[in-house]
Amino acid sequence: MASAAARPLDREAFETLLGELRPKLHRFCARMTGSVIDGEDVVQDALAKAAAAFPDSPRITNYEAWLFRIAHNAAVDFLRRRTRDESIRTDTDTEALMDDRIGEAERREIAAAGLRTFMRLPLVQRSAVLLMDVFGHSLRDVSQNLAISVPAVKAALHRGRTRLRELAREPDDVPTPVLAEPERWLLMTYTEHFNARNFDAIRDMLAGEVRLELVNRTRLNGPREVGTYFGNYAALDGWHLTPGIVEGRPAALVSRDPSGAVSYFILFEFSNGRVIGIRDFVHAQYVTDGAECFAANRAQDR
């Protein structure tokens, strides 16, 4: 990373850097938006903007800070579209003189906070705490990214850290999500066929307008194109799908080892008893970090 920040990059080196930083950028965007799925959408938008800006950019002295600035702005744009009445400014007051340093134990506690917890912070506090305490950016870089003064960053850090400590003491009473019965039945049927390698039965479940996204790789449309996707799984061993729910959406939780740990997930959209959308994160497994994953059969068969 140091060498990338010290000299200009050519296009090939820049593309390599984007791939290396993508999981880190996703972690930031997921915590900014409160969703690993929305966070991936924001990352895709940010990387497209970075790729378009790269040829015309002046000499960049810190590529990582530059990319985080683009990701931050993309996340703010996303949040503005979702909640246009949320303010992104903060006032400077006597708290701006507070010491911005924290101990390593508190830094680890902040980094471990969940998506829901970060979403309960105001936007500027959320950004400042994430950029400085989770990703280790300097006060100067955070100030430039948020377009506020260094004293205002310090004030946001103090308030955000204080609020996170308060939230850590509150009980987590989030209810376990459930799926509507038609969705649940389709999801369980799909995963049963998948685990049995009965891909012809799955192809029969596809709608005529079905869409598939292999995140960070390609997109396919229609039963003919999407049907070829199953051949890749047919050639692999050692995976197992469990019907699940990710951020309230029907999903298959994919495990690749005997422990049953979730390696990644596949999201689905259903309509009129057919599969109309598949979003497979096999090439973007970093998205699983921080995701709220539940086994649908366990969540609803109690």
Protein backbone atom coordinates (compact mmCIF):
# COMPACT_ATOMS: atom_id res chain seq x y z
CA MET A 1 0.00 0.00 0.00
CA ALA A 2 2.83 2.39 0.78
CA SER A 3 4.29 2.05 -2.70
CA ALA A 4 0.87 2.68 -4.27
CA ALA A 5 0.60 5.92 -2.31
CA ALA A 6 4.10 7.07 -3.22
CA ARG A 7 3.94 6.99 -7.01
CA PRO A 8 1.33 7.24 -9.77
CA LEU A 9 -0.28 3.97 -10.83
CA ASP A 10 -0.87 2.72 -14.33
CA ARG A 11 -4.28 1.29 -15.26
CA GLU A 12 -3.31 -2.34 -14.53
CA ALA A 13 -1.90 -1.50 -11.09
CA PHE A 14 -4.95 0.63 -10.35
CA GLU A 15 -7.33 -2.25 -11.19
CA THR A 16 -5.28 -4.53 -8.92
CA LEU A 17 -5.55 -1.99 -6.09
CA LEU A 18 -9.33 -1.79 -6.54
CA GLY A 19 -9.56 -5.56 -6.12
CA GLU A 20 -7.37 -5.50 -3.01
CA LEU A 21 -9.32 -2.69 -1.35
CA ARG A 22 -12.80 -3.88 -2.31
CA PRO A 23 -13.43 -5.93 0.89
CA LYS A 24 -12.23 -3.03 3.03
CA LEU A 25 -14.40 -0.55 1.15
CA HIS A 26 -17.37 -2.87 1.50
CA ARG A 27 -16.89 -3.12 5.25
CA PHE A 28 -17.02 0.68 5.43
CA CYS A 29 -20.03 1.04 3.10
CA ALA A 30 -21.97 -1.74 4.84
CA ARG A 31 -21.59 0.03 8.17
CA MET A 32 -22.47 3.37 6.61
CA THR A 33 -25.69 2.00 5.08
CA GLY A 34 -26.54 -0.58 7.75
CA SER A 35 -26.72 -3.36 5.17
CA VAL A 36 -24.14 -5.69 3.65
CA ILE A 37 -26.31 -5.88 0.53
CA ASP A 38 -26.79 -2.13 0.12
CA GLY A 39 -23.11 -1.72 1.02
CA GLU A 40 -22.12 -3.85 -1.98
CA ASP A 41 -24.34 -1.73 -4.25
CA VAL A 42 -22.60 1.39 -2.96
CA VAL A 43 -19.16 -0.17 -3.48
CA GLN A 44 -20.03 -1.03 -7.08
CA ASP A 45 -21.14 2.56 -7.65
CA ALA A 46 -18.02 3.96 -5.98
CA LEU A 47 -15.61 1.75 -7.94
CA ALA A 48 -17.32 2.64 -11.21
CA LYS A 49 -16.89 6.34 -10.37
CA ALA A 50 -13.26 5.79 -9.38
CA ALA A 51 -12.52 3.92 -12.62
CA ALA A 52 -14.12 6.71 -14.65
CA ALA A 53 -12.23 9.44 -12.76
CA PHE A 54 -8.84 7.74 -12.76
CA PRO A 55 -7.59 8.80 -16.23
CA ASP A 56 -8.41 12.46 -15.58
CA SER A 57 -7.30 12.62 -11.94
CA PRO A 58 -4.30 14.74 -10.95
CA ARG A 59 -1.41 13.07 -9.17
CA ILE A 60 -2.90 11.19 -6.21
CA THR A 61 -0.71 11.01 -3.12
CA ASN A 62 -2.89 8.55 -1.17
CA TYR A 63 -4.98 6.20 -3.31
CA GLU A 64 -6.68 4.53 -0.35
CA ALA A 65 -7.85 7.84 1.13
CA TRP A 66 -9.01 8.94 -2.34
CA LEU A 67 -11.04 5.74 -2.82
CA PHE A 68 -12.56 6.01 0.65
CA ARG A 69 -13.56 9.59 -0.17
CA ILE A 70 -15.38 8.38 -3.27
CA ALA A 71 -16.99 5.53 -1.30
CA HIS A 72 -18.03 7.92 1.46
CA ASN A 73 -19.65 10.29 -1.02
CA ALA A 74 -21.41 7.38 -2.74
CA ALA A 75 -22.73 6.17 0.63
CA VAL A 76 -23.95 9.67 1.51
CA ASP A 77 -25.72 9.93 -1.86
CA PHE A 78 -27.35 6.56 -1.21
CA LEU A 79 -28.50 7.61 2.25
CA ARG A 80 -29.78 10.94 0.96
CA ARG A 81 -31.91 9.09 -1.56
CA ARG A 82 -33.19 6.80 1.21
CA THR A 83 -33.75 9.48 3.86
CA ARG A 84 -33.52 12.92 2.32
CA ASP A 85 -34.24 14.73 5.56
CA GLU A 86 -31.10 13.48 7.36
CA SER A 87 -28.47 16.15 7.92
CA ILE A 88 -24.80 15.50 7.16
CA ARG A 89 -23.47 18.50 9.06
CA THR A 90 -22.47 18.95 12.68
CA ASP A 91 -21.79 21.97 14.83
CA THR A 92 -18.40 22.74 16.32
CA ASP A 93 -18.43 23.44 20.05
CA THR A 94 -16.27 22.98 23.12
CA GLU A 95 -16.17 19.22 22.54
CA ALA A 96 -13.99 19.91 19.51
CA LEU A 97 -11.11 20.40 21.91
CA MET A 98 -11.42 16.84 23.25
CA ASP A 99 -8.48 14.43 22.75
CA ASP A 100 -9.12 12.32 19.64
CA ARG A 101 -6.98 9.39 20.83
CA ILE A 102 -8.46 6.17 22.25
CA GLY A 103 -7.04 2.96 23.65
CA GLU A 104 -6.60 -0.24 21.67
CA ALA A 105 -9.27 -2.06 23.70
CA GLU A 106 -11.87 0.59 22.87
CA ARG A 107 -10.78 0.56 19.22
CA ARG A 108 -11.38 -3.21 19.06
CA GLU A 109 -14.78 -2.78 20.72
CA ILE A 110 -15.79 -0.16 18.17
CA ALA A 111 -14.60 -2.30 15.25
CA ALA A 112 -16.72 -5.20 16.54
CA ALA A 113 -19.95 -3.16 16.69
CA GLY A 114 -22.70 -4.46 14.42
CA LEU A 115 -24.38 -2.79 11.45
CA ARG A 116 -27.52 -1.92 13.41
CA THR A 117 -25.43 -0.24 16.10
CA PHE A 118 -23.56 1.99 13.65
CA MET A 119 -26.82 2.96 11.95
CA ARG A 120 -28.01 4.48 15.25
CA LEU A 121 -25.26 7.11 15.05
CA PRO A 122 -25.85 10.35 13.14
CA LEU A 123 -24.18 10.28 9.74
CA VAL A 124 -21.16 12.48 10.49
CA GLN A 125 -20.44 10.66 13.75
CA ARG A 126 -20.79 7.32 11.96
CA SER A 127 -18.40 8.39 9.20
CA ALA A 128 -15.81 9.84 11.56
CA VAL A 129 -15.74 6.82 13.88
CA LEU A 130 -15.57 4.35 11.01
CA LEU A 131 -12.84 6.16 9.08
CA MET A 132 -10.62 6.88 12.07
CA ASP A 133 -11.26 4.10 14.61
CA VAL A 134 -12.04 1.18 12.30
CA PHE A 135 -9.95 1.99 9.22
CA GLY A 136 -7.15 4.00 10.80
CA HIS A 137 -7.36 7.16 8.69
CA SER A 138 -5.77 10.36 9.92
CA LEU A 139 -7.69 13.35 11.25
CA ARG A 140 -6.65 15.26 8.16
CA ASP A 141 -7.97 12.57 5.79
CA VAL A 142 -11.24 12.30 7.73
CA SER A 143 -11.62 16.08 7.64
CA GLN A 144 -11.14 16.11 3.87
CA ASN A 145 -13.50 13.18 3.31
CA LEU A 146 -16.30 14.73 5.37
CA ALA A 147 -15.61 18.30 4.21
CA ILE A 148 -15.60 19.55 7.82
CA SER A 149 -12.89 21.05 10.02
CA VAL A 150 -10.53 19.00 12.19
CA PRO A 151 -12.17 20.36 15.39
CA ALA A 152 -15.56 19.26 14.03
CA VAL A 153 -14.13 15.79 13.35
CA LYS A 154 -12.92 15.61 16.95
CA ALA A 155 -16.35 16.61 18.20
CA ALA A 156 -18.01 13.96 16.03
CA LEU A 157 -15.54 11.34 17.24
CA HIS A 158 -16.22 12.18 20.89
CA ARG A 159 -19.99 12.08 20.46
CA GLY A 160 -19.93 8.94 18.34
CA ARG A 161 -17.65 7.02 20.73
CA THR A 162 -19.77 8.08 23.70
CA ARG A 163 -22.97 6.94 21.99
CA LEU A 164 -21.41 3.59 20.98
CA ARG A 165 -20.49 2.93 24.61
CA GLU A 166 -24.09 3.66 25.61
CA LEU A 167 -25.48 1.39 22.88
CA ALA A 168 -23.17 -1.45 23.90
CA ARG A 169 -24.91 -1.53 27.30
CA GLU A 170 -28.41 -1.78 25.79
CA PRO A 171 -30.04 -5.22 25.29
CA ASP A 172 -30.35 -6.58 21.75
CA ASP A 173 -34.06 -7.30 21.32
CA VAL A 174 -34.20 -7.55 17.50
CA PRO A 175 -36.90 -10.13 16.59
CA THR A 176 -35.96 -13.16 14.50
CA PRO A 177 -37.18 -12.56 10.92
CA VAL A 178 -39.58 -14.90 9.13
CA LEU A 179 -40.54 -15.44 5.50
CA ALA A 180 -44.02 -15.54 4.04
CA GLU A 181 -45.03 -19.16 3.51
CA PRO A 182 -44.99 -19.08 -0.35
CA GLU A 183 -41.44 -17.66 -0.31
CA ARG A 184 -40.33 -20.14 2.32
CA TRP A 185 -41.74 -23.10 0.38
CA LEU A 186 -40.04 -21.99 -2.87
CA LEU A 187 -36.75 -21.40 -1.08
CA MET A 188 -36.79 -24.81 0.59
CA THR A 189 -37.73 -26.51 -2.70
CA TYR A 190 -34.89 -24.70 -4.50
CA THR A 191 -32.27 -25.62 -1.90
CA GLU A 192 -33.43 -29.25 -1.74
CA HIS A 193 -33.06 -29.59 -5.51
CA PHE A 194 -29.70 -27.81 -5.38
CA ASN A 195 -28.29 -30.07 -2.67
CA ALA A 196 -29.51 -33.11 -4.63
CA ARG A 197 -27.76 -31.73 -7.77
CA ASN A 198 -31.14 -31.86 -9.50
CA PHE A 199 -30.46 -28.79 -11.63
CA ASP A 200 -33.04 -29.69 -14.28
CA ALA A 201 -35.74 -29.32 -11.61
CA ILE A 202 -34.30 -25.92 -10.70
CA ARG A 203 -34.29 -24.81 -14.33
CA ASP A 204 -38.01 -25.63 -14.37
CA MET A 205 -38.46 -23.13 -11.50
CA LEU A 206 -36.99 -20.21 -13.46
CA ALA A 207 -39.27 -17.45 -14.77
CA GLY A 208 -38.96 -16.30 -18.36
CA GLU A 209 -37.59 -12.94 -17.16
CA VAL A 210 -35.15 -14.43 -14.63
CA ARG A 211 -31.99 -12.40 -13.91
CA LEU A 212 -28.79 -13.61 -12.30
CA GLU A 213 -25.89 -11.58 -10.92
CA LEU A 214 -22.61 -13.24 -10.00
CA VAL A 215 -21.51 -10.32 -7.84
CA ASN A 216 -18.10 -8.93 -8.81
CA ARG A 217 -18.10 -11.11 -11.94
CA THR A 218 -20.99 -11.10 -14.46
CA ARG A 219 -24.73 -10.83 -15.13
CA LEU A 220 -26.97 -13.27 -17.00
CA ASN A 221 -30.54 -12.87 -18.25
CA GLY A 222 -33.22 -15.35 -19.26
CA PRO A 223 -33.55 -19.10 -18.62
CA ARG A 224 -31.06 -20.09 -21.33
CA GLU A 225 -28.20 -17.93 -20.01
CA VAL A 226 -29.01 -18.48 -16.35
CA GLY A 227 -29.27 -22.23 -16.93
CA THR A 228 -25.56 -22.39 -17.73
CA TYR A 229 -24.74 -21.09 -14.25
CA PHE A 230 -25.68 -24.35 -12.57
CA GLY A 231 -23.01 -26.26 -14.49
CA ASN A 232 -20.30 -24.54 -12.42
CA TYR A 233 -21.82 -25.86 -9.20
CA ALA A 234 -22.30 -29.32 -10.72
CA ALA A 235 -18.51 -29.48 -11.21
CA LEU A 236 -17.76 -28.66 -7.55
CA ASP A 237 -17.94 -30.80 -4.43
CA GLY A 238 -18.14 -29.98 -0.75
CA TRP A 239 -20.79 -27.27 -0.71
CA HIS A 240 -24.22 -27.36 0.97
CA LEU A 241 -27.13 -24.92 0.86
CA THR A 242 -29.36 -24.14 3.84
CA PRO A 243 -32.61 -22.15 3.43
CA GLY A 244 -32.03 -18.84 5.14
CA ILE A 245 -32.86 -15.19 5.62
CA VAL A 246 -30.32 -12.41 5.12
CA GLU A 247 -31.45 -8.92 6.13
CA GLY A 248 -35.05 -10.06 5.82
CA ARG A 249 -34.61 -11.47 2.31
CA PRO A 250 -34.89 -15.12 1.21
CA ALA A 251 -31.42 -16.59 0.79
CA ALA A 252 -29.44 -19.81 0.58
CA LEU A 253 -26.65 -19.94 3.16
CA VAL A 254 -23.70 -21.74 1.56
CA SER A 255 -21.24 -23.74 3.65
CA ARG A 256 -18.04 -25.25 2.27
CA ASP A 257 -16.63 -27.07 5.31
CA PRO A 258 -17.82 -29.72 7.83
CA SER A 259 -18.34 -27.10 10.56
CA GLY A 260 -21.31 -25.69 8.66
CA ALA A 261 -20.01 -22.13 8.91
CA VAL A 262 -21.57 -19.82 6.31
CA SER A 263 -19.01 -19.07 3.59
CA TYR A 264 -21.32 -16.83 1.56
CA PHE A 265 -24.96 -16.54 0.56
CA ILE A 266 -27.23 -16.41 -2.48
CA LEU A 267 -30.22 -14.05 -2.52
CA PHE A 268 -33.49 -14.80 -4.35
CA GLU A 269 -36.52 -12.99 -5.68
CA PHE A 270 -39.71 -14.94 -6.27
CA SER A 271 -42.86 -14.02 -8.18
CA ASN A 272 -45.90 -16.06 -9.06
CA GLY A 273 -44.29 -19.27 -7.88
CA ARG A 274 -41.13 -18.76 -9.99
CA VAL A 275 -37.57 -17.60 -9.45
CA ILE A 276 -37.13 -14.17 -11.04
CA GLY A 277 -33.86 -13.06 -9.43
CA ILE A 278 -30.67 -14.74 -8.18
CA ARG A 279 -27.76 -12.83 -6.67
CA ASP A 280 -24.80 -15.10 -5.89
CA PHE A 281 -21.95 -13.75 -3.72
CA VAL A 282 -19.50 -16.61 -4.32
CA HIS A 283 -16.99 -14.13 -5.84
CA ALA A 284 -17.68 -11.52 -3.13
CA GLN A 285 -17.53 -13.55 0.06
CA TYR A 286 -16.36 -10.51 2.04
CA VAL A 287 -20.03 -9.42 2.01
CA THR A 288 -20.78 -12.10 4.62
CA ASP A 289 -18.79 -10.12 7.21
CA GLY A 290 -21.36 -8.56 9.52
CA ALA A 291 -24.38 -9.99 7.69
CA GLU A 292 -27.46 -10.95 9.70
CA CYS A 293 -27.96 -14.55 8.58
CA PHE A 294 -30.69 -16.86 9.93
CA ALA A 295 -31.63 -20.40 8.95
CA ALA A 296 -35.21 -20.10 7.67
CA ASN A 297 -36.28 -23.58 8.73
CA ARG A 298 -35.04 -23.03 12.28
CA ALA A 299 -36.49 -19.52 12.46
CA GLN A 300 -40.00 -20.68 11.52
CA ASP A 301 -40.29 -24.27 12.66
CA ARG A 302 -39.97 -23.57 16.38
